Amino acid sequence: MTGTLFENGDGVPQNAREAVYWYERAAGLDNTDAMTRLGMLHALGQGTVRHDGKAFEWLQKAAANGHIAATAALAVLYHLGRGTEKDEATAYRLTRKTAAQDQPAALYNLAVSCRHGFGTPVDGTRADRLFRQSAKGGCRQAMLALAAMHETHPPETCSSGEAAFWRGKAARTPARPPSGSVLLYPETDMDRLQAG
C-alpha cells in the first residue's frame, strides 16, 4: 500500500523511485500486487532504469500466482519480445485468458491481435466487437481505435458520426487504463506493430 501511495502521490509527494523501494519489499514477501507493479515500473522505466528482464521476471512470477493484470502485461512482453523471445502464440493465449475476465485493457489487446493477426487469424468483425466491449469498460485506447477505424475504413463500412462519438468519449476519458496495471499495444501505432 505504501508503494501505491508514492506511485500515485496519494497523501504524499509522488515519487516512483520510493514506490519501487516499497514494491520490492512487498514483492519479497510474495505480494502479487507488488510484483505486478514492480514489473510494470521496470517495463516502463519509471522510478528505475527500464529493465525488460526484471519486468518479465516479476510479471511472470505474479502471473504464475494467478494475477490477471500481470498475465495481461506479460502477454504484451511476449508480443513485443521484451525480456523474452517474441512469441505471438503465447501472447495470444495469455491475452485470451485475461480477456475472458472482461478486463478492458486485455479486451483491447485481444482486439488488436484479432485486427492484425497477432497469434490468430485476422478477424475484423471480432476485433470491432472486442474494441466496443473494451471501450464500454472505459478503455480510452479502444475508443480511439474505434474512432480511427470509422475514419479510415471504406465508406460503406464507416460512419463519421460514429467516429466523432468515440473521439468525443475518448477526450473525456483518462488516458490511463481502468486497471492501471496493464501494458497496452499503442493505439496510434498498430500498423507499425504489425510490420515488426
N, C-alpha and C. Protein backbone atom coordinates (compact mmCIF):
# COMPACT_ATOMS: atom_id res chain seq x y z
N MET A 1 0.82 -1.18 0.00
CA MET A 1 0.00 0.00 0.00
C MET A 1 0.87 1.26 0.00
N THR A 2 1.97 1.23 0.72
CA THR A 2 2.86 2.39 0.77
C THR A 2 3.42 2.68 -0.61
N GLY A 3 3.78 1.64 -1.35
CA GLY A 3 4.28 1.82 -2.71
C GLY A 3 3.25 2.48 -3.59
N THR A 4 2.00 2.08 -3.48
CA THR A 4 0.91 2.66 -4.27
C THR A 4 0.72 4.13 -3.92
N LEU A 5 0.80 4.46 -2.64
CA LEU A 5 0.66 5.85 -2.22
C LEU A 5 1.73 6.72 -2.89
N PHE A 6 2.98 6.24 -2.88
CA PHE A 6 4.06 7.01 -3.51
C PHE A 6 3.92 7.03 -5.03
N GLU A 7 3.51 5.93 -5.63
CA GLU A 7 3.38 5.90 -7.08
C GLU A 7 2.31 6.88 -7.57
N ASN A 8 1.20 6.96 -6.84
CA ASN A 8 0.09 7.81 -7.25
C ASN A 8 0.11 9.21 -6.64
N GLY A 9 1.01 9.44 -5.67
CA GLY A 9 1.05 10.73 -5.00
C GLY A 9 -0.19 10.96 -4.15
N ASP A 10 -0.66 9.92 -3.50
CA ASP A 10 -1.87 9.98 -2.70
C ASP A 10 -1.52 10.28 -1.24
N GLY A 11 -1.60 11.54 -0.86
CA GLY A 11 -1.29 11.95 0.51
C GLY A 11 0.19 12.15 0.78
N VAL A 12 1.02 11.84 -0.20
CA VAL A 12 2.47 12.04 -0.11
C VAL A 12 2.94 12.56 -1.47
N PRO A 13 4.12 13.18 -1.53
CA PRO A 13 4.61 13.61 -2.85
C PRO A 13 4.81 12.39 -3.76
N GLN A 14 4.38 12.52 -5.01
CA GLN A 14 4.54 11.41 -5.96
C GLN A 14 6.02 11.14 -6.17
N ASN A 15 6.41 9.87 -6.02
CA ASN A 15 7.82 9.52 -6.11
C ASN A 15 7.92 8.05 -6.56
N ALA A 16 8.13 7.85 -7.86
CA ALA A 16 8.18 6.49 -8.40
C ALA A 16 9.36 5.70 -7.84
N ARG A 17 10.47 6.37 -7.57
CA ARG A 17 11.63 5.67 -7.01
C ARG A 17 11.32 5.11 -5.63
N GLU A 18 10.63 5.90 -4.83
CA GLU A 18 10.23 5.45 -3.49
C GLU A 18 9.21 4.31 -3.61
N ALA A 19 8.33 4.40 -4.61
CA ALA A 19 7.35 3.32 -4.85
C ALA A 19 8.07 2.02 -5.16
N VAL A 20 9.11 2.09 -6.01
CA VAL A 20 9.88 0.88 -6.35
C VAL A 20 10.46 0.25 -5.09
N TYR A 21 11.00 1.08 -4.22
CA TYR A 21 11.59 0.57 -2.96
C TYR A 21 10.54 -0.24 -2.17
N TRP A 22 9.34 0.34 -2.00
CA TRP A 22 8.32 -0.33 -1.21
C TRP A 22 7.75 -1.55 -1.93
N TYR A 23 7.62 -1.46 -3.24
CA TYR A 23 7.14 -2.62 -4.00
C TYR A 23 8.14 -3.78 -3.91
N GLU A 24 9.43 -3.45 -3.94
CA GLU A 24 10.46 -4.51 -3.82
C GLU A 24 10.33 -5.21 -2.47
N ARG A 25 10.11 -4.45 -1.41
CA ARG A 25 9.96 -5.06 -0.08
C ARG A 25 8.73 -5.96 -0.04
N ALA A 26 7.61 -5.49 -0.58
CA ALA A 26 6.38 -6.29 -0.56
C ALA A 26 6.48 -7.49 -1.50
N ALA A 27 7.12 -7.30 -2.65
CA ALA A 27 7.27 -8.42 -3.61
C ALA A 27 8.13 -9.52 -2.99
N GLY A 28 9.13 -9.12 -2.19
CA GLY A 28 9.96 -10.09 -1.49
C GLY A 28 9.18 -10.92 -0.49
N LEU A 29 8.00 -10.42 -0.11
CA LEU A 29 7.12 -11.14 0.82
C LEU A 29 5.98 -11.83 0.06
N ASP A 30 6.18 -12.03 -1.26
CA ASP A 30 5.24 -12.73 -2.14
C ASP A 30 3.91 -12.02 -2.35
N ASN A 31 3.90 -10.70 -2.30
CA ASN A 31 2.70 -9.94 -2.60
C ASN A 31 2.59 -9.78 -4.11
N THR A 32 1.57 -10.41 -4.73
CA THR A 32 1.47 -10.41 -6.19
C THR A 32 1.12 -9.03 -6.76
N ASP A 33 0.37 -8.21 -6.02
CA ASP A 33 0.10 -6.85 -6.50
C ASP A 33 1.41 -6.06 -6.59
N ALA A 34 2.27 -6.21 -5.60
CA ALA A 34 3.56 -5.52 -5.61
C ALA A 34 4.45 -6.05 -6.73
N MET A 35 4.43 -7.37 -6.95
CA MET A 35 5.22 -7.94 -8.05
C MET A 35 4.78 -7.35 -9.39
N THR A 36 3.47 -7.22 -9.54
CA THR A 36 2.91 -6.69 -10.79
C THR A 36 3.33 -5.25 -11.00
N ARG A 37 3.15 -4.43 -9.99
CA ARG A 37 3.52 -3.01 -10.12
C ARG A 37 5.03 -2.88 -10.34
N LEU A 38 5.82 -3.68 -9.65
CA LEU A 38 7.27 -3.64 -9.81
C LEU A 38 7.64 -4.01 -11.25
N GLY A 39 7.01 -5.05 -11.77
CA GLY A 39 7.24 -5.44 -13.16
C GLY A 39 6.86 -4.33 -14.12
N MET A 40 5.73 -3.69 -13.86
CA MET A 40 5.28 -2.59 -14.73
C MET A 40 6.26 -1.42 -14.70
N LEU A 41 6.72 -1.07 -13.52
CA LEU A 41 7.64 0.07 -13.41
C LEU A 41 8.97 -0.24 -14.09
N HIS A 42 9.44 -1.48 -14.00
CA HIS A 42 10.65 -1.87 -14.72
C HIS A 42 10.41 -1.82 -16.23
N ALA A 43 9.23 -2.26 -16.68
CA ALA A 43 8.91 -2.26 -18.11
C ALA A 43 8.82 -0.85 -18.66
N LEU A 44 8.33 0.08 -17.85
CA LEU A 44 8.15 1.46 -18.29
C LEU A 44 9.33 2.36 -17.97
N GLY A 45 10.26 1.86 -17.14
CA GLY A 45 11.40 2.69 -16.73
C GLY A 45 10.98 3.84 -15.83
N GLN A 46 10.02 3.61 -14.96
CA GLN A 46 9.55 4.63 -14.03
C GLN A 46 10.05 4.31 -12.63
N GLY A 47 10.78 5.25 -12.05
CA GLY A 47 11.33 5.05 -10.71
C GLY A 47 12.56 4.17 -10.70
N THR A 48 12.95 3.68 -11.85
CA THR A 48 14.10 2.80 -12.01
C THR A 48 14.48 2.81 -13.48
N VAL A 49 15.64 2.30 -13.78
CA VAL A 49 16.05 2.16 -15.18
C VAL A 49 15.20 1.07 -15.82
N ARG A 50 14.75 1.31 -17.05
CA ARG A 50 13.97 0.27 -17.74
C ARG A 50 14.80 -1.00 -17.84
N HIS A 51 14.21 -2.10 -17.40
CA HIS A 51 14.91 -3.38 -17.42
C HIS A 51 13.89 -4.45 -17.81
N ASP A 52 13.90 -4.83 -19.08
CA ASP A 52 12.92 -5.78 -19.58
C ASP A 52 13.02 -7.14 -18.90
N GLY A 53 14.23 -7.58 -18.58
CA GLY A 53 14.41 -8.88 -17.93
C GLY A 53 13.77 -8.91 -16.56
N LYS A 54 13.98 -7.85 -15.76
CA LYS A 54 13.35 -7.79 -14.44
C LYS A 54 11.84 -7.64 -14.56
N ALA A 55 11.39 -6.85 -15.53
CA ALA A 55 9.95 -6.69 -15.75
C ALA A 55 9.33 -8.05 -16.03
N PHE A 56 9.93 -8.79 -16.95
CA PHE A 56 9.41 -10.11 -17.32
C PHE A 56 9.41 -11.04 -16.10
N GLU A 57 10.51 -11.02 -15.36
CA GLU A 57 10.64 -11.92 -14.20
C GLU A 57 9.55 -11.66 -13.17
N TRP A 58 9.32 -10.38 -12.81
CA TRP A 58 8.31 -10.07 -11.80
C TRP A 58 6.90 -10.35 -12.30
N LEU A 59 6.64 -10.00 -13.56
CA LEU A 59 5.30 -10.24 -14.10
C LEU A 59 5.02 -11.73 -14.25
N GLN A 60 6.03 -12.49 -14.64
CA GLN A 60 5.86 -13.94 -14.77
C GLN A 60 5.57 -14.57 -13.41
N LYS A 61 6.26 -14.10 -12.39
CA LYS A 61 6.05 -14.64 -11.04
C LYS A 61 4.63 -14.33 -10.54
N ALA A 62 4.18 -13.10 -10.77
CA ALA A 62 2.83 -12.72 -10.33
C ALA A 62 1.77 -13.47 -11.15
N ALA A 63 2.01 -13.60 -12.45
CA ALA A 63 1.07 -14.31 -13.33
C ALA A 63 0.96 -15.78 -12.92
N ALA A 64 2.08 -16.38 -12.53
CA ALA A 64 2.07 -17.79 -12.09
C ALA A 64 1.22 -17.97 -10.84
N ASN A 65 1.04 -16.88 -10.09
CA ASN A 65 0.19 -16.91 -8.90
C ASN A 65 -1.23 -16.42 -9.19
N GLY A 66 -1.58 -16.34 -10.48
CA GLY A 66 -2.95 -16.04 -10.86
C GLY A 66 -3.32 -14.57 -10.97
N HIS A 67 -2.35 -13.65 -10.94
CA HIS A 67 -2.66 -12.23 -11.02
C HIS A 67 -3.03 -11.86 -12.46
N ILE A 68 -4.27 -11.43 -12.67
CA ILE A 68 -4.79 -11.16 -14.00
C ILE A 68 -4.06 -10.02 -14.70
N ALA A 69 -3.84 -8.90 -14.02
CA ALA A 69 -3.15 -7.76 -14.64
C ALA A 69 -1.73 -8.13 -15.02
N ALA A 70 -1.06 -8.93 -14.19
CA ALA A 70 0.31 -9.37 -14.52
C ALA A 70 0.29 -10.26 -15.75
N THR A 71 -0.71 -11.12 -15.85
CA THR A 71 -0.83 -12.01 -17.00
C THR A 71 -1.04 -11.20 -18.27
N ALA A 72 -1.87 -10.17 -18.20
CA ALA A 72 -2.12 -9.31 -19.36
C ALA A 72 -0.86 -8.56 -19.77
N ALA A 73 -0.13 -8.04 -18.81
CA ALA A 73 1.11 -7.32 -19.12
C ALA A 73 2.18 -8.27 -19.66
N LEU A 74 2.23 -9.47 -19.11
CA LEU A 74 3.18 -10.48 -19.58
C LEU A 74 2.92 -10.82 -21.05
N ALA A 75 1.65 -10.88 -21.43
CA ALA A 75 1.29 -11.14 -22.83
C ALA A 75 1.89 -10.10 -23.75
N VAL A 76 1.86 -8.84 -23.32
CA VAL A 76 2.43 -7.77 -24.15
C VAL A 76 3.93 -7.93 -24.28
N LEU A 77 4.61 -8.33 -23.20
CA LEU A 77 6.05 -8.55 -23.29
C LEU A 77 6.37 -9.68 -24.26
N TYR A 78 5.58 -10.74 -24.24
CA TYR A 78 5.75 -11.82 -25.22
C TYR A 78 5.52 -11.30 -26.64
N HIS A 79 4.49 -10.49 -26.80
CA HIS A 79 4.17 -9.94 -28.11
C HIS A 79 5.31 -9.08 -28.66
N LEU A 80 5.88 -8.25 -27.80
CA LEU A 80 6.94 -7.34 -28.23
C LEU A 80 8.33 -7.97 -28.18
N GLY A 81 8.45 -9.13 -27.53
CA GLY A 81 9.77 -9.75 -27.38
C GLY A 81 10.66 -8.97 -26.43
N ARG A 82 10.08 -8.45 -25.36
CA ARG A 82 10.83 -7.68 -24.37
C ARG A 82 11.04 -8.54 -23.12
N GLY A 83 12.29 -8.84 -22.81
CA GLY A 83 12.61 -9.66 -21.64
C GLY A 83 12.50 -11.13 -21.92
N THR A 84 12.08 -11.48 -23.12
CA THR A 84 11.91 -12.86 -23.55
C THR A 84 11.88 -12.88 -25.07
N GLU A 85 11.89 -14.08 -25.64
CA GLU A 85 11.77 -14.16 -27.09
C GLU A 85 10.35 -13.81 -27.50
N LYS A 86 10.21 -13.17 -28.65
CA LYS A 86 8.90 -12.84 -29.18
C LYS A 86 8.14 -14.14 -29.44
N ASP A 87 6.91 -14.22 -28.93
CA ASP A 87 6.12 -15.44 -29.07
C ASP A 87 4.65 -15.04 -29.17
N GLU A 88 4.18 -14.88 -30.42
CA GLU A 88 2.80 -14.44 -30.66
C GLU A 88 1.77 -15.44 -30.14
N ALA A 89 2.06 -16.73 -30.26
CA ALA A 89 1.11 -17.75 -29.81
C ALA A 89 0.89 -17.66 -28.31
N THR A 90 1.97 -17.51 -27.54
CA THR A 90 1.85 -17.38 -26.09
C THR A 90 1.18 -16.07 -25.73
N ALA A 91 1.56 -15.00 -26.42
CA ALA A 91 0.94 -13.69 -26.17
C ALA A 91 -0.57 -13.78 -26.37
N TYR A 92 -0.98 -14.40 -27.46
CA TYR A 92 -2.41 -14.52 -27.74
C TYR A 92 -3.11 -15.38 -26.69
N ARG A 93 -2.51 -16.49 -26.31
CA ARG A 93 -3.11 -17.38 -25.31
C ARG A 93 -3.31 -16.65 -23.98
N LEU A 94 -2.29 -15.90 -23.54
CA LEU A 94 -2.38 -15.17 -22.28
C LEU A 94 -3.40 -14.03 -22.38
N THR A 95 -3.43 -13.36 -23.52
CA THR A 95 -4.38 -12.27 -23.71
C THR A 95 -5.81 -12.80 -23.69
N ARG A 96 -6.05 -13.94 -24.34
CA ARG A 96 -7.38 -14.54 -24.31
C ARG A 96 -7.80 -14.89 -22.88
N LYS A 97 -6.84 -15.41 -22.12
CA LYS A 97 -7.12 -15.79 -20.72
C LYS A 97 -7.56 -14.57 -19.91
N THR A 98 -6.87 -13.45 -20.07
CA THR A 98 -7.22 -12.25 -19.29
C THR A 98 -8.47 -11.58 -19.84
N ALA A 99 -8.66 -11.61 -21.16
CA ALA A 99 -9.85 -11.01 -21.74
C ALA A 99 -11.11 -11.76 -21.30
N ALA A 100 -10.99 -13.05 -21.01
CA ALA A 100 -12.12 -13.84 -20.53
C ALA A 100 -12.63 -13.32 -19.19
N GLN A 101 -11.82 -12.54 -18.50
CA GLN A 101 -12.22 -11.94 -17.22
C GLN A 101 -12.87 -10.57 -17.42
N ASP A 102 -13.13 -10.20 -18.69
CA ASP A 102 -13.71 -8.90 -19.06
C ASP A 102 -12.87 -7.73 -18.59
N GLN A 103 -11.57 -7.91 -18.58
CA GLN A 103 -10.64 -6.85 -18.20
C GLN A 103 -10.50 -5.93 -19.43
N PRO A 104 -10.94 -4.64 -19.35
CA PRO A 104 -10.98 -3.77 -20.52
C PRO A 104 -9.67 -3.64 -21.30
N ALA A 105 -8.55 -3.50 -20.62
CA ALA A 105 -7.27 -3.37 -21.32
C ALA A 105 -6.92 -4.67 -22.04
N ALA A 106 -7.21 -5.80 -21.43
CA ALA A 106 -6.94 -7.10 -22.08
C ALA A 106 -7.86 -7.30 -23.28
N LEU A 107 -9.11 -6.85 -23.17
CA LEU A 107 -10.03 -6.92 -24.31
C LEU A 107 -9.49 -6.08 -25.47
N TYR A 108 -8.94 -4.91 -25.14
CA TYR A 108 -8.33 -4.06 -26.17
C TYR A 108 -7.18 -4.79 -26.85
N ASN A 109 -6.28 -5.37 -26.05
CA ASN A 109 -5.13 -6.08 -26.63
C ASN A 109 -5.58 -7.26 -27.50
N LEU A 110 -6.63 -7.96 -27.07
CA LEU A 110 -7.14 -9.06 -27.86
C LEU A 110 -7.73 -8.55 -29.18
N ALA A 111 -8.40 -7.39 -29.12
CA ALA A 111 -8.95 -6.79 -30.33
C ALA A 111 -7.84 -6.45 -31.32
N VAL A 112 -6.74 -5.89 -30.81
CA VAL A 112 -5.60 -5.57 -31.68
C VAL A 112 -5.06 -6.85 -32.30
N SER A 113 -4.95 -7.91 -31.50
CA SER A 113 -4.47 -9.20 -32.02
C SER A 113 -5.36 -9.70 -33.15
N CYS A 114 -6.67 -9.60 -32.95
CA CYS A 114 -7.62 -10.06 -33.98
C CYS A 114 -7.57 -9.17 -35.23
N ARG A 115 -7.41 -7.89 -35.01
CA ARG A 115 -7.40 -6.95 -36.14
C ARG A 115 -6.19 -7.17 -37.04
N HIS A 116 -5.05 -7.50 -36.43
CA HIS A 116 -3.80 -7.59 -37.19
C HIS A 116 -3.26 -9.01 -37.33
N GLY A 117 -3.94 -9.99 -36.74
CA GLY A 117 -3.48 -11.37 -36.88
C GLY A 117 -2.27 -11.70 -36.03
N PHE A 118 -2.20 -11.14 -34.84
CA PHE A 118 -1.10 -11.45 -33.92
C PHE A 118 -1.45 -12.74 -33.18
N GLY A 119 -0.89 -13.87 -33.61
CA GLY A 119 -1.13 -15.14 -32.94
C GLY A 119 -2.48 -15.76 -33.25
N THR A 120 -3.24 -15.17 -34.15
CA THR A 120 -4.57 -15.65 -34.52
C THR A 120 -4.89 -15.13 -35.92
N PRO A 121 -5.81 -15.77 -36.64
CA PRO A 121 -6.17 -15.23 -37.95
C PRO A 121 -6.81 -13.85 -37.83
N VAL A 122 -6.62 -13.00 -38.85
CA VAL A 122 -7.24 -11.68 -38.88
C VAL A 122 -8.76 -11.85 -38.88
N ASP A 123 -9.44 -11.08 -37.99
CA ASP A 123 -10.89 -11.15 -37.88
C ASP A 123 -11.41 -9.77 -37.50
N GLY A 124 -11.71 -8.95 -38.52
CA GLY A 124 -12.14 -7.57 -38.28
C GLY A 124 -13.45 -7.47 -37.52
N THR A 125 -14.37 -8.39 -37.77
CA THR A 125 -15.66 -8.36 -37.08
C THR A 125 -15.47 -8.61 -35.58
N ARG A 126 -14.66 -9.59 -35.26
CA ARG A 126 -14.39 -9.88 -33.85
C ARG A 126 -13.62 -8.73 -33.19
N ALA A 127 -12.66 -8.16 -33.93
CA ALA A 127 -11.90 -7.02 -33.41
C ALA A 127 -12.84 -5.87 -33.06
N ASP A 128 -13.77 -5.55 -33.96
CA ASP A 128 -14.72 -4.46 -33.72
C ASP A 128 -15.53 -4.74 -32.46
N ARG A 129 -16.03 -5.97 -32.32
CA ARG A 129 -16.82 -6.33 -31.14
C ARG A 129 -16.00 -6.18 -29.85
N LEU A 130 -14.73 -6.65 -29.89
CA LEU A 130 -13.87 -6.56 -28.71
C LEU A 130 -13.50 -5.12 -28.38
N PHE A 131 -13.22 -4.31 -29.42
CA PHE A 131 -12.94 -2.88 -29.18
C PHE A 131 -14.14 -2.23 -28.49
N ARG A 132 -15.35 -2.55 -28.94
CA ARG A 132 -16.56 -1.96 -28.35
C ARG A 132 -16.73 -2.41 -26.89
N GLN A 133 -16.49 -3.68 -26.63
CA GLN A 133 -16.61 -4.20 -25.27
C GLN A 133 -15.58 -3.51 -24.36
N SER A 134 -14.36 -3.36 -24.86
CA SER A 134 -13.31 -2.69 -24.09
C SER A 134 -13.64 -1.22 -23.85
N ALA A 135 -14.12 -0.54 -24.90
CA ALA A 135 -14.48 0.88 -24.78
C ALA A 135 -15.60 1.07 -23.76
N LYS A 136 -16.59 0.18 -23.76
CA LYS A 136 -17.69 0.27 -22.80
C LYS A 136 -17.17 0.08 -21.37
N GLY A 137 -16.05 -0.65 -21.23
CA GLY A 137 -15.43 -0.84 -19.93
C GLY A 137 -14.54 0.33 -19.51
N GLY A 138 -14.41 1.33 -20.38
CA GLY A 138 -13.66 2.53 -20.02
C GLY A 138 -12.26 2.64 -20.59
N CYS A 139 -11.88 1.75 -21.51
CA CYS A 139 -10.52 1.80 -22.08
C CYS A 139 -10.46 2.86 -23.18
N ARG A 140 -9.76 3.93 -22.90
CA ARG A 140 -9.65 5.06 -23.83
C ARG A 140 -9.02 4.64 -25.15
N GLN A 141 -8.02 3.76 -25.11
CA GLN A 141 -7.35 3.33 -26.33
C GLN A 141 -8.31 2.62 -27.27
N ALA A 142 -9.26 1.86 -26.71
CA ALA A 142 -10.27 1.19 -27.53
C ALA A 142 -11.18 2.21 -28.19
N MET A 143 -11.52 3.27 -27.47
CA MET A 143 -12.34 4.33 -28.04
C MET A 143 -11.63 4.98 -29.22
N LEU A 144 -10.34 5.26 -29.05
CA LEU A 144 -9.56 5.86 -30.13
C LEU A 144 -9.44 4.92 -31.32
N ALA A 145 -9.29 3.63 -31.05
CA ALA A 145 -9.20 2.65 -32.13
C ALA A 145 -10.51 2.60 -32.92
N LEU A 146 -11.63 2.64 -32.22
CA LEU A 146 -12.93 2.63 -32.89
C LEU A 146 -13.10 3.89 -33.75
N ALA A 147 -12.70 5.03 -33.22
CA ALA A 147 -12.78 6.27 -33.99
C ALA A 147 -11.92 6.17 -35.24
N ALA A 148 -10.70 5.68 -35.08
CA ALA A 148 -9.79 5.56 -36.23
C ALA A 148 -10.34 4.59 -37.27
N MET A 149 -10.93 3.50 -36.81
CA MET A 149 -11.50 2.52 -37.74
C MET A 149 -12.61 3.16 -38.57
N HIS A 150 -13.45 3.97 -37.94
CA HIS A 150 -14.55 4.61 -38.66
C HIS A 150 -14.06 5.76 -39.55
N GLU A 151 -12.89 6.28 -39.29
CA GLU A 151 -12.34 7.34 -40.14
C GLU A 151 -11.58 6.79 -41.34
N THR A 152 -11.10 5.55 -41.26
CA THR A 152 -10.23 5.03 -42.31
C THR A 152 -10.81 3.89 -43.13
N HIS A 153 -11.89 3.28 -42.69
CA HIS A 153 -12.47 2.17 -43.45
C HIS A 153 -13.20 2.68 -44.69
N PRO A 154 -13.48 1.79 -45.63
CA PRO A 154 -14.24 2.19 -46.82
C PRO A 154 -15.58 2.80 -46.43
N PRO A 155 -16.10 3.74 -47.23
CA PRO A 155 -17.35 4.45 -46.89
C PRO A 155 -18.53 3.56 -46.53
N GLU A 156 -18.63 2.38 -47.15
CA GLU A 156 -19.79 1.53 -46.86
C GLU A 156 -19.74 0.89 -45.47
N THR A 157 -18.56 0.89 -44.83
CA THR A 157 -18.46 0.26 -43.51
C THR A 157 -18.10 1.25 -42.40
N CYS A 158 -18.00 2.54 -42.74
CA CYS A 158 -17.62 3.50 -41.69
C CYS A 158 -18.70 4.56 -41.52
N SER A 159 -18.59 5.29 -40.43
CA SER A 159 -19.56 6.31 -40.10
C SER A 159 -18.84 7.48 -39.44
N SER A 160 -18.94 8.67 -40.04
CA SER A 160 -18.28 9.83 -39.45
C SER A 160 -18.93 10.18 -38.11
N GLY A 161 -20.23 9.93 -37.99
CA GLY A 161 -20.91 10.17 -36.71
C GLY A 161 -20.38 9.25 -35.61
N GLU A 162 -20.16 7.99 -35.97
CA GLU A 162 -19.62 7.02 -35.01
C GLU A 162 -18.19 7.42 -34.63
N ALA A 163 -17.39 7.85 -35.60
CA ALA A 163 -16.02 8.28 -35.32
C ALA A 163 -16.02 9.47 -34.36
N ALA A 164 -16.89 10.44 -34.61
CA ALA A 164 -16.97 11.62 -33.74
C ALA A 164 -17.42 11.23 -32.33
N PHE A 165 -18.38 10.30 -32.24
CA PHE A 165 -18.85 9.84 -30.94
C PHE A 165 -17.69 9.28 -30.12
N TRP A 166 -16.90 8.36 -30.73
CA TRP A 166 -15.82 7.71 -29.99
C TRP A 166 -14.69 8.68 -29.70
N ARG A 167 -14.37 9.62 -30.60
CA ARG A 167 -13.34 10.63 -30.32
C ARG A 167 -13.75 11.50 -29.15
N GLY A 168 -15.03 11.91 -29.12
CA GLY A 168 -15.53 12.74 -28.02
C GLY A 168 -15.48 12.00 -26.69
N LYS A 169 -15.89 10.74 -26.72
CA LYS A 169 -15.86 9.93 -25.49
C LYS A 169 -14.42 9.74 -25.01
N ALA A 170 -13.49 9.51 -25.93
CA ALA A 170 -12.07 9.34 -25.56
C ALA A 170 -11.52 10.62 -24.94
N ALA A 171 -11.94 11.77 -25.47
CA ALA A 171 -11.45 13.05 -24.94
C ALA A 171 -11.87 13.27 -23.50
N ARG A 172 -12.99 12.66 -23.11
CA ARG A 172 -13.48 12.81 -21.73
C ARG A 172 -13.03 11.68 -20.80
N THR A 173 -12.20 10.77 -21.30
CA THR A 173 -11.77 9.59 -20.53
C THR A 173 -10.29 9.71 -20.20
N PRO A 174 -9.89 9.41 -18.96
CA PRO A 174 -8.47 9.46 -18.60
C PRO A 174 -7.63 8.54 -19.48
N ALA A 175 -6.39 8.95 -19.75
CA ALA A 175 -5.51 8.18 -20.63
C ALA A 175 -5.07 6.86 -20.02
N ARG A 176 -5.04 6.77 -18.72
CA ARG A 176 -4.59 5.55 -18.05
C ARG A 176 -5.65 4.46 -18.14
N PRO A 177 -5.26 3.21 -18.42
CA PRO A 177 -6.26 2.15 -18.50
C PRO A 177 -6.98 1.98 -17.16
N PRO A 178 -8.23 1.53 -17.19
CA PRO A 178 -9.01 1.38 -15.96
C PRO A 178 -8.31 0.56 -14.89
N SER A 179 -7.54 -0.44 -15.29
CA SER A 179 -6.86 -1.28 -14.30
C SER A 179 -5.64 -0.59 -13.73
N GLY A 180 -5.04 0.32 -14.49
CA GLY A 180 -3.81 0.97 -14.07
C GLY A 180 -2.62 0.04 -14.08
N SER A 181 -2.80 -1.21 -14.47
CA SER A 181 -1.72 -2.18 -14.33
C SER A 181 -1.43 -2.99 -15.58
N VAL A 182 -1.89 -2.54 -16.72
CA VAL A 182 -1.73 -3.36 -17.91
C VAL A 182 -1.03 -2.57 -19.01
N LEU A 183 -0.03 -3.17 -19.62
CA LEU A 183 0.59 -2.57 -20.78
C LEU A 183 -0.36 -2.74 -21.95
N LEU A 184 -0.43 -1.73 -22.80
CA LEU A 184 -1.32 -1.78 -23.95
C LEU A 184 -0.52 -1.69 -25.24
N TYR A 185 -1.03 -2.34 -26.27
CA TYR A 185 -0.47 -2.12 -27.60
C TYR A 185 -0.81 -0.67 -27.96
N PRO A 186 0.15 0.11 -28.47
CA PRO A 186 -0.12 1.53 -28.76
C PRO A 186 -1.25 1.70 -29.78
N GLU A 187 -2.25 2.52 -29.44
CA GLU A 187 -3.41 2.68 -30.30
C GLU A 187 -3.09 3.41 -31.59
N THR A 188 -2.07 4.26 -31.60
CA THR A 188 -1.76 5.03 -32.79
C THR A 188 -0.67 4.39 -33.62
N ASP A 189 -0.17 3.25 -33.18
CA ASP A 189 0.97 2.66 -33.86
C ASP A 189 0.71 1.21 -34.25
N MET A 190 -0.54 0.84 -34.40
CA MET A 190 -0.85 -0.56 -34.66
C MET A 190 -0.27 -1.06 -35.98
N ASP A 191 -0.24 -0.19 -37.00
CA ASP A 191 0.31 -0.64 -38.29
C ASP A 191 1.80 -0.93 -38.19
N ARG A 192 2.52 -0.09 -37.40
CA ARG A 192 3.95 -0.33 -37.19
C ARG A 192 4.16 -1.63 -36.42
N LEU A 193 3.30 -1.86 -35.41
CA LEU A 193 3.41 -3.11 -34.63
C LEU A 193 3.22 -4.31 -35.53
N GLN A 194 2.27 -4.23 -36.44
CA GLN A 194 2.01 -5.36 -37.32
C GLN A 194 3.24 -5.65 -38.18
N ALA A 195 3.89 -4.59 -38.64
CA ALA A 195 5.04 -4.75 -39.51
C ALA A 195 6.24 -5.32 -38.77
N GLY A 196 6.33 -5.07 -37.48
CA GLY A 196 7.55 -5.54 -36.87
C GLY A 196 7.53 -5.64 -35.42
